Amino acid sequence: GTLIVLKHPYPRKVEEPSIYESVRVHTAMQTGRTESDLVPNAPSLGTKEGYLIKQGKIVKNWKTRWFTLHRNELKYFKDQTATEPIRALDLTECSAVQFDYSQERVNCFCLVFPLRTYYLCAKTGVEADEWIKILRWKLSQIRKQLEQRNTPLSS
């Protein structure tokens, strides 16, 4: 196939998470797209979207929701066609993301916030692992930014 080298697609200081090792350009090329098609449609660094099953806050039932991760915000919608999110979660307030084995479901993980823990399940273990990896990477980037802001400049 054709190899496309992107010279500086992202700021140089930003670390790429391990899940970005798979090259989406190759997939795009196989679908007949051209280089000019790829640039405007390429996802930005650290974005992810897909369906997850979420446990309700008050009634502990499970509902499928469409999730989008962009910058430091995880939004969920009733479905993929909805334009207004049900809720937007600010990841700067999230203290942990981890697999969760307390539910009677498989492929679950949770996001721990000060006022609530969100329980989410993916269709497969691989998908749950991808969400956990990217969310943990986001939290590590947020912590690095906070540390840099709180570090006094040396003279």
N, C-alpha and C. Protein backbone atom coordinates (compact mmCIF):
# COMPACT_ATOMS: atom_id res chain seq x y z
N GLY A 1 0.80 -1.18 0.00
CA GLY A 1 0.00 0.00 0.00
C GLY A 1 0.85 1.25 0.00
N THR A 2 0.21 2.37 -0.01
CA THR A 2 0.87 3.66 -0.01
C THR A 2 1.11 4.11 1.42
N LEU A 3 2.32 4.61 1.69
CA LEU A 3 2.66 5.11 3.01
C LEU A 3 2.56 6.63 3.00
N ILE A 4 1.82 7.17 3.95
CA ILE A 4 1.68 8.62 4.06
C ILE A 4 2.36 9.04 5.35
N VAL A 5 3.29 9.97 5.26
CA VAL A 5 3.99 10.46 6.43
C VAL A 5 3.45 11.84 6.78
N LEU A 6 2.93 11.97 7.98
CA LEU A 6 2.44 13.26 8.46
C LEU A 6 3.59 13.95 9.17
N LYS A 7 3.93 15.15 8.75
CA LYS A 7 5.11 15.80 9.31
C LYS A 7 4.93 16.23 10.76
N HIS A 8 3.94 17.00 11.09
CA HIS A 8 3.71 17.43 12.47
C HIS A 8 2.20 17.45 12.73
N PRO A 9 1.58 16.27 12.86
CA PRO A 9 0.13 16.26 13.01
C PRO A 9 -0.36 16.77 14.36
N TYR A 10 0.46 16.68 15.40
CA TYR A 10 0.07 17.09 16.74
C TYR A 10 1.20 17.88 17.36
N PRO A 11 0.90 18.62 18.42
CA PRO A 11 1.99 19.31 19.12
C PRO A 11 3.06 18.30 19.53
N ARG A 12 4.32 18.68 19.39
CA ARG A 12 5.42 17.75 19.65
C ARG A 12 5.47 17.26 21.09
N LYS A 13 5.00 18.05 22.04
CA LYS A 13 5.11 17.69 23.44
C LYS A 13 4.07 16.67 23.88
N VAL A 14 3.06 16.41 23.06
CA VAL A 14 1.98 15.51 23.45
C VAL A 14 2.39 14.06 23.21
N GLU A 15 2.29 13.23 24.25
CA GLU A 15 2.59 11.81 24.13
C GLU A 15 1.40 11.09 23.54
N GLU A 16 1.63 10.14 22.67
CA GLU A 16 0.54 9.35 22.11
C GLU A 16 0.31 8.12 22.99
N PRO A 17 -0.93 7.78 23.28
CA PRO A 17 -1.19 6.58 24.06
C PRO A 17 -0.93 5.33 23.22
N SER A 18 -0.72 4.20 23.87
CA SER A 18 -0.38 2.97 23.16
C SER A 18 -1.47 2.52 22.18
N ILE A 19 -2.72 2.88 22.43
CA ILE A 19 -3.77 2.41 21.53
C ILE A 19 -3.72 3.10 20.17
N TYR A 20 -2.92 4.16 20.03
CA TYR A 20 -2.81 4.82 18.74
C TYR A 20 -1.76 4.17 17.86
N GLU A 21 -1.23 3.02 18.27
CA GLU A 21 -0.24 2.34 17.46
C GLU A 21 -0.87 1.78 16.18
N SER A 22 -2.15 1.46 16.22
CA SER A 22 -2.80 0.98 15.01
C SER A 22 -2.98 2.17 14.08
N VAL A 23 -2.65 1.99 12.84
CA VAL A 23 -2.67 3.10 11.89
C VAL A 23 -4.00 3.13 11.15
N ARG A 24 -4.74 4.22 11.34
CA ARG A 24 -6.05 4.35 10.69
C ARG A 24 -5.91 4.71 9.22
N VAL A 25 -4.78 5.30 8.86
CA VAL A 25 -4.58 5.71 7.47
C VAL A 25 -4.66 4.50 6.55
N HIS A 26 -4.06 3.38 6.98
CA HIS A 26 -4.06 2.17 6.17
C HIS A 26 -5.50 1.72 5.89
N THR A 27 -6.34 1.75 6.91
CA THR A 27 -7.74 1.37 6.75
C THR A 27 -8.43 2.31 5.77
N ALA A 28 -8.17 3.59 5.91
CA ALA A 28 -8.78 4.57 5.02
C ALA A 28 -8.35 4.33 3.57
N MET A 29 -7.09 4.00 3.38
CA MET A 29 -6.59 3.76 2.03
C MET A 29 -7.28 2.54 1.42
N GLN A 30 -7.54 1.53 2.24
CA GLN A 30 -8.20 0.33 1.73
C GLN A 30 -9.64 0.60 1.31
N THR A 31 -10.25 1.64 1.87
CA THR A 31 -11.63 1.96 1.51
C THR A 31 -11.71 2.88 0.30
N GLY A 32 -10.57 3.20 -0.31
CA GLY A 32 -10.56 3.99 -1.53
C GLY A 32 -10.49 5.49 -1.32
N ARG A 33 -10.23 5.91 -0.11
CA ARG A 33 -10.11 7.35 0.13
C ARG A 33 -8.74 7.84 -0.34
N THR A 34 -8.64 9.13 -0.54
CA THR A 34 -7.38 9.71 -0.95
C THR A 34 -6.76 10.47 0.21
N GLU A 35 -5.54 10.94 0.03
CA GLU A 35 -4.85 11.69 1.08
C GLU A 35 -5.65 12.93 1.48
N SER A 36 -6.25 13.62 0.49
CA SER A 36 -7.02 14.83 0.81
C SER A 36 -8.28 14.50 1.61
N ASP A 37 -8.83 13.29 1.45
CA ASP A 37 -9.99 12.87 2.24
C ASP A 37 -9.61 12.66 3.70
N LEU A 38 -8.38 12.22 3.93
CA LEU A 38 -7.96 11.83 5.28
C LEU A 38 -7.80 13.01 6.22
N VAL A 39 -7.24 14.09 5.75
CA VAL A 39 -6.89 15.19 6.65
C VAL A 39 -8.10 15.80 7.37
N PRO A 40 -9.16 16.24 6.66
CA PRO A 40 -10.28 16.84 7.40
C PRO A 40 -11.06 15.83 8.23
N ASN A 41 -11.03 14.55 7.86
CA ASN A 41 -11.81 13.55 8.57
C ASN A 41 -11.04 12.82 9.66
N ALA A 42 -9.75 13.12 9.78
CA ALA A 42 -8.93 12.40 10.77
C ALA A 42 -9.34 12.81 12.17
N PRO A 43 -9.50 11.83 13.08
CA PRO A 43 -9.85 12.18 14.46
C PRO A 43 -8.67 12.87 15.14
N SER A 44 -8.97 13.81 16.03
CA SER A 44 -7.88 14.48 16.73
C SER A 44 -7.33 13.54 17.81
N LEU A 45 -6.18 13.87 18.30
CA LEU A 45 -5.49 13.03 19.28
C LEU A 45 -6.36 12.83 20.51
N GLY A 46 -6.47 11.59 20.94
CA GLY A 46 -7.15 11.29 22.19
C GLY A 46 -8.66 11.36 22.12
N THR A 47 -9.23 11.15 20.94
CA THR A 47 -10.69 11.12 20.85
C THR A 47 -11.14 9.68 20.69
N LYS A 48 -12.33 9.41 21.16
CA LYS A 48 -12.91 8.07 21.01
C LYS A 48 -14.41 8.23 21.10
N GLU A 49 -15.12 7.36 20.40
CA GLU A 49 -16.57 7.36 20.52
C GLU A 49 -17.08 5.95 20.30
N GLY A 50 -18.26 5.69 20.85
CA GLY A 50 -18.85 4.38 20.67
C GLY A 50 -19.94 4.14 21.70
N TYR A 51 -20.64 3.04 21.50
CA TYR A 51 -21.71 2.67 22.42
C TYR A 51 -21.15 1.96 23.64
N LEU A 52 -21.64 2.34 24.80
CA LEU A 52 -21.36 1.66 26.07
C LEU A 52 -22.69 1.50 26.79
N ILE A 53 -22.73 0.55 27.70
CA ILE A 53 -23.93 0.37 28.52
C ILE A 53 -23.65 1.01 29.87
N LYS A 54 -24.53 1.91 30.30
CA LYS A 54 -24.32 2.69 31.52
C LYS A 54 -25.39 2.37 32.56
N GLN A 55 -24.94 2.25 33.80
CA GLN A 55 -25.90 2.02 34.88
C GLN A 55 -26.53 3.34 35.30
N GLY A 56 -27.84 3.34 35.53
CA GLY A 56 -28.54 4.54 35.95
C GLY A 56 -28.16 4.97 37.35
N LYS A 57 -28.35 6.26 37.63
CA LYS A 57 -27.98 6.82 38.93
C LYS A 57 -28.95 6.39 40.04
N ILE A 58 -30.24 6.56 39.80
CA ILE A 58 -31.23 6.28 40.85
C ILE A 58 -31.80 4.88 40.68
N VAL A 59 -32.42 4.63 39.52
CA VAL A 59 -32.88 3.28 39.20
C VAL A 59 -31.67 2.58 38.59
N LYS A 60 -31.22 1.51 39.19
CA LYS A 60 -29.96 0.88 38.78
C LYS A 60 -30.10 -0.01 37.56
N ASN A 61 -30.91 0.44 36.59
CA ASN A 61 -31.03 -0.32 35.35
C ASN A 61 -29.91 0.07 34.40
N TRP A 62 -29.72 -0.69 33.34
CA TRP A 62 -28.64 -0.47 32.40
C TRP A 62 -29.22 -0.02 31.07
N LYS A 63 -28.64 1.04 30.50
CA LYS A 63 -29.10 1.56 29.21
C LYS A 63 -27.90 1.77 28.30
N THR A 64 -28.11 1.49 27.03
CA THR A 64 -27.07 1.73 26.04
C THR A 64 -27.06 3.21 25.70
N ARG A 65 -25.86 3.78 25.73
CA ARG A 65 -25.69 5.21 25.42
C ARG A 65 -24.51 5.37 24.46
N TRP A 66 -24.56 6.44 23.67
CA TRP A 66 -23.47 6.79 22.75
C TRP A 66 -22.52 7.73 23.49
N PHE A 67 -21.26 7.35 23.60
CA PHE A 67 -20.26 8.14 24.32
C PHE A 67 -19.27 8.76 23.35
N THR A 68 -18.90 10.01 23.63
CA THR A 68 -17.84 10.68 22.87
C THR A 68 -16.82 11.24 23.84
N LEU A 69 -15.57 11.01 23.53
CA LEU A 69 -14.47 11.53 24.34
C LEU A 69 -13.71 12.53 23.48
N HIS A 70 -13.66 13.77 23.95
CA HIS A 70 -12.95 14.82 23.21
C HIS A 70 -12.34 15.77 24.23
N ARG A 71 -11.06 15.99 24.09
CA ARG A 71 -10.30 16.80 25.05
C ARG A 71 -10.49 16.23 26.45
N ASN A 72 -10.91 17.02 27.42
CA ASN A 72 -11.08 16.54 28.79
C ASN A 72 -12.55 16.31 29.14
N GLU A 73 -13.35 15.99 28.13
CA GLU A 73 -14.78 15.84 28.34
C GLU A 73 -15.30 14.53 27.76
N LEU A 74 -16.02 13.80 28.60
CA LEU A 74 -16.68 12.58 28.17
C LEU A 74 -18.18 12.86 28.20
N LYS A 75 -18.79 12.85 27.01
CA LYS A 75 -20.23 13.13 26.90
C LYS A 75 -20.95 11.84 26.56
N TYR A 76 -22.19 11.75 27.04
CA TYR A 76 -23.00 10.64 26.57
C TYR A 76 -24.37 11.14 26.13
N PHE A 77 -24.86 10.44 25.10
CA PHE A 77 -26.08 10.81 24.40
C PHE A 77 -27.04 9.62 24.41
N LYS A 78 -28.32 9.89 24.14
CA LYS A 78 -29.30 8.81 24.08
C LYS A 78 -28.90 7.80 23.00
N ASP A 79 -28.47 8.31 21.85
CA ASP A 79 -27.97 7.45 20.77
C ASP A 79 -27.05 8.27 19.88
N GLN A 80 -26.55 7.65 18.83
CA GLN A 80 -25.57 8.29 17.96
C GLN A 80 -26.14 9.47 17.19
N THR A 81 -27.45 9.51 17.00
CA THR A 81 -28.06 10.59 16.22
C THR A 81 -28.41 11.81 17.07
N ALA A 82 -28.41 11.66 18.39
CA ALA A 82 -28.78 12.78 19.28
C ALA A 82 -27.76 13.90 19.18
N THR A 83 -28.23 15.13 19.22
CA THR A 83 -27.34 16.28 19.11
C THR A 83 -27.00 16.88 20.48
N GLU A 84 -27.89 16.73 21.44
CA GLU A 84 -27.65 17.27 22.78
C GLU A 84 -27.28 16.13 23.73
N PRO A 85 -26.17 16.28 24.46
CA PRO A 85 -25.78 15.21 25.39
C PRO A 85 -26.72 15.14 26.60
N ILE A 86 -26.84 13.95 27.14
CA ILE A 86 -27.57 13.79 28.40
C ILE A 86 -26.73 14.41 29.51
N ARG A 87 -25.43 14.17 29.44
CA ARG A 87 -24.52 14.73 30.44
C ARG A 87 -23.11 14.83 29.84
N ALA A 88 -22.37 15.80 30.30
CA ALA A 88 -20.96 15.95 29.94
C ALA A 88 -20.14 15.84 31.22
N LEU A 89 -19.23 14.89 31.25
CA LEU A 89 -18.40 14.67 32.43
C LEU A 89 -17.05 15.34 32.24
N ASP A 90 -16.66 16.17 33.19
CA ASP A 90 -15.38 16.87 33.15
C ASP A 90 -14.32 15.95 33.76
N LEU A 91 -13.41 15.44 32.92
CA LEU A 91 -12.42 14.49 33.39
C LEU A 91 -11.39 15.08 34.35
N THR A 92 -11.34 16.42 34.43
CA THR A 92 -10.42 17.01 35.41
C THR A 92 -10.90 16.71 36.83
N GLU A 93 -12.17 16.32 36.98
CA GLU A 93 -12.72 15.99 38.30
C GLU A 93 -12.68 14.49 38.58
N CYS A 94 -12.29 13.69 37.61
CA CYS A 94 -12.26 12.23 37.76
C CYS A 94 -10.97 11.81 38.48
N SER A 95 -11.11 10.96 39.50
CA SER A 95 -9.93 10.54 40.25
C SER A 95 -9.40 9.17 39.84
N ALA A 96 -10.23 8.34 39.19
CA ALA A 96 -9.76 7.00 38.80
C ALA A 96 -10.64 6.40 37.71
N VAL A 97 -10.00 5.55 36.91
CA VAL A 97 -10.70 4.73 35.93
C VAL A 97 -10.16 3.32 36.11
N GLN A 98 -11.06 2.35 36.31
CA GLN A 98 -10.57 0.99 36.56
C GLN A 98 -11.61 -0.04 36.15
N PHE A 99 -11.11 -1.27 35.90
CA PHE A 99 -12.02 -2.38 35.65
C PHE A 99 -12.88 -2.56 36.88
N ASP A 100 -14.11 -2.98 36.69
CA ASP A 100 -15.02 -3.18 37.81
C ASP A 100 -15.62 -4.58 37.72
N TYR A 101 -15.42 -5.34 38.79
CA TYR A 101 -15.92 -6.72 38.82
C TYR A 101 -17.09 -6.87 39.78
N SER A 102 -17.62 -5.76 40.30
CA SER A 102 -18.70 -5.83 41.28
C SER A 102 -20.07 -6.01 40.63
N GLN A 103 -20.16 -5.75 39.34
CA GLN A 103 -21.45 -5.83 38.65
C GLN A 103 -21.70 -7.25 38.15
N GLU A 104 -22.94 -7.55 37.87
CA GLU A 104 -23.29 -8.88 37.34
C GLU A 104 -23.14 -8.91 35.83
N ARG A 105 -22.30 -8.07 35.30
CA ARG A 105 -22.05 -7.99 33.86
C ARG A 105 -20.55 -8.13 33.61
N VAL A 106 -20.21 -8.43 32.38
CA VAL A 106 -18.80 -8.55 32.02
C VAL A 106 -18.34 -7.29 31.29
N ASN A 107 -17.03 -7.11 31.20
CA ASN A 107 -16.41 -6.00 30.47
C ASN A 107 -16.79 -4.64 31.04
N CYS A 108 -16.93 -4.57 32.36
CA CYS A 108 -17.32 -3.33 33.02
C CYS A 108 -16.11 -2.58 33.56
N PHE A 109 -16.26 -1.27 33.62
CA PHE A 109 -15.26 -0.41 34.25
C PHE A 109 -16.00 0.75 34.88
N CYS A 110 -15.29 1.47 35.74
CA CYS A 110 -15.94 2.59 36.41
C CYS A 110 -15.06 3.82 36.37
N LEU A 111 -15.72 4.97 36.42
CA LEU A 111 -15.06 6.27 36.51
C LEU A 111 -15.47 6.86 37.86
N VAL A 112 -14.48 7.20 38.66
CA VAL A 112 -14.75 7.69 40.01
C VAL A 112 -14.67 9.21 40.03
N PHE A 113 -15.79 9.82 40.38
CA PHE A 113 -15.89 11.27 40.55
C PHE A 113 -16.22 11.56 42.01
N PRO A 114 -16.02 12.79 42.49
CA PRO A 114 -16.29 13.09 43.90
C PRO A 114 -17.73 12.78 44.34
N LEU A 115 -18.72 13.06 43.49
CA LEU A 115 -20.11 12.88 43.89
C LEU A 115 -20.75 11.59 43.37
N ARG A 116 -20.08 10.90 42.45
CA ARG A 116 -20.69 9.71 41.86
C ARG A 116 -19.65 8.85 41.16
N THR A 117 -19.87 7.55 41.20
CA THR A 117 -19.07 6.62 40.40
C THR A 117 -19.95 6.14 39.26
N TYR A 118 -19.44 6.28 38.03
CA TYR A 118 -20.18 5.86 36.84
C TYR A 118 -19.73 4.46 36.47
N TYR A 119 -20.69 3.55 36.29
CA TYR A 119 -20.40 2.18 35.90
C TYR A 119 -20.78 2.00 34.44
N LEU A 120 -19.80 1.56 33.65
CA LEU A 120 -19.98 1.40 32.21
C LEU A 120 -19.54 0.01 31.79
N CYS A 121 -20.18 -0.54 30.76
CA CYS A 121 -19.80 -1.84 30.23
C CYS A 121 -19.67 -1.76 28.71
N ALA A 122 -18.65 -2.41 28.22
CA ALA A 122 -18.43 -2.49 26.77
C ALA A 122 -18.89 -3.86 26.28
N LYS A 123 -19.02 -3.99 24.97
CA LYS A 123 -19.45 -5.28 24.40
C LYS A 123 -18.38 -6.34 24.53
N THR A 124 -17.10 -5.92 24.45
CA THR A 124 -16.01 -6.90 24.52
C THR A 124 -14.95 -6.43 25.52
N GLY A 125 -14.13 -7.37 25.96
CA GLY A 125 -13.03 -7.03 26.86
C GLY A 125 -12.03 -6.11 26.18
N VAL A 126 -11.80 -6.31 24.90
CA VAL A 126 -10.86 -5.46 24.15
C VAL A 126 -11.36 -4.03 24.11
N GLU A 127 -12.65 -3.87 23.85
CA GLU A 127 -13.25 -2.53 23.79
C GLU A 127 -13.17 -1.84 25.17
N ALA A 128 -13.48 -2.58 26.23
CA ALA A 128 -13.38 -2.02 27.58
C ALA A 128 -11.94 -1.60 27.86
N ASP A 129 -10.99 -2.42 27.45
CA ASP A 129 -9.58 -2.11 27.66
C ASP A 129 -9.17 -0.86 26.91
N GLU A 130 -9.67 -0.68 25.69
CA GLU A 130 -9.36 0.53 24.90
C GLU A 130 -9.88 1.77 25.61
N TRP A 131 -11.12 1.72 26.09
CA TRP A 131 -11.70 2.87 26.80
C TRP A 131 -10.88 3.17 28.06
N ILE A 132 -10.54 2.15 28.81
CA ILE A 132 -9.77 2.35 30.05
C ILE A 132 -8.41 2.95 29.73
N LYS A 133 -7.74 2.43 28.71
CA LYS A 133 -6.40 2.95 28.35
C LYS A 133 -6.45 4.42 27.98
N ILE A 134 -7.40 4.79 27.13
CA ILE A 134 -7.44 6.18 26.68
C ILE A 134 -7.89 7.10 27.81
N LEU A 135 -8.82 6.65 28.65
CA LEU A 135 -9.26 7.49 29.78
C LEU A 135 -8.14 7.66 30.80
N ARG A 136 -7.39 6.60 31.06
CA ARG A 136 -6.25 6.71 31.98
C ARG A 136 -5.18 7.63 31.40
N TRP A 137 -4.98 7.55 30.10
CA TRP A 137 -4.00 8.43 29.46
C TRP A 137 -4.44 9.88 29.61
N LYS A 138 -5.74 10.12 29.40
CA LYS A 138 -6.28 11.48 29.58
C LYS A 138 -6.03 11.97 31.00
N LEU A 139 -6.32 11.13 32.00
CA LEU A 139 -6.12 11.53 33.40
C LEU A 139 -4.65 11.81 33.67
N SER A 140 -3.75 11.02 33.09
CA SER A 140 -2.32 11.27 33.30
C SER A 140 -1.90 12.59 32.67
N GLN A 141 -2.47 12.92 31.52
CA GLN A 141 -2.17 14.20 30.87
C GLN A 141 -2.70 15.37 31.70
N ILE A 142 -3.89 15.21 32.26
CA ILE A 142 -4.48 16.25 33.11
C ILE A 142 -3.59 16.47 34.33
N ARG A 143 -3.13 15.38 34.96
CA ARG A 143 -2.27 15.50 36.14
C ARG A 143 -0.95 16.17 35.80
N LYS A 144 -0.38 15.83 34.64
CA LYS A 144 0.88 16.47 34.22
C LYS A 144 0.69 17.97 34.05
N GLN A 145 -0.44 18.36 33.44
CA GLN A 145 -0.72 19.78 33.24
C GLN A 145 -0.85 20.49 34.58
N LEU A 146 -1.54 19.86 35.53
CA LEU A 146 -1.72 20.46 36.85
C LEU A 146 -0.39 20.58 37.58
N GLU A 147 0.45 19.56 37.47
CA GLU A 147 1.77 19.60 38.10
C GLU A 147 2.62 20.73 37.52
N GLN A 148 2.55 20.89 36.19
CA GLN A 148 3.33 21.95 35.55
C GLN A 148 2.86 23.32 35.99
N ARG A 149 1.56 23.48 36.16
CA ARG A 149 1.02 24.77 36.62
C ARG A 149 1.41 25.07 38.05
N ASN A 150 1.50 24.03 38.87
CA ASN A 150 1.79 24.21 40.29
C ASN A 150 3.27 24.21 40.61
N THR A 151 4.12 23.92 39.63
CA THR A 151 5.56 23.93 39.85
C THR A 151 6.08 25.34 39.69
N PRO A 152 6.71 25.89 40.74
CA PRO A 152 7.26 27.25 40.59
C PRO A 152 8.42 27.25 39.61
N LEU A 153 8.51 28.32 38.85
CA LEU A 153 9.60 28.46 37.89
C LEU A 153 10.90 28.72 38.61
N SER A 154 11.95 27.98 38.22
CA SER A 154 13.25 28.21 38.87
C SER A 154 13.97 29.33 38.16
N SER A 155 14.73 30.12 38.91
CA SER A 155 15.41 31.27 38.30
C SER A 155 16.82 30.95 37.91
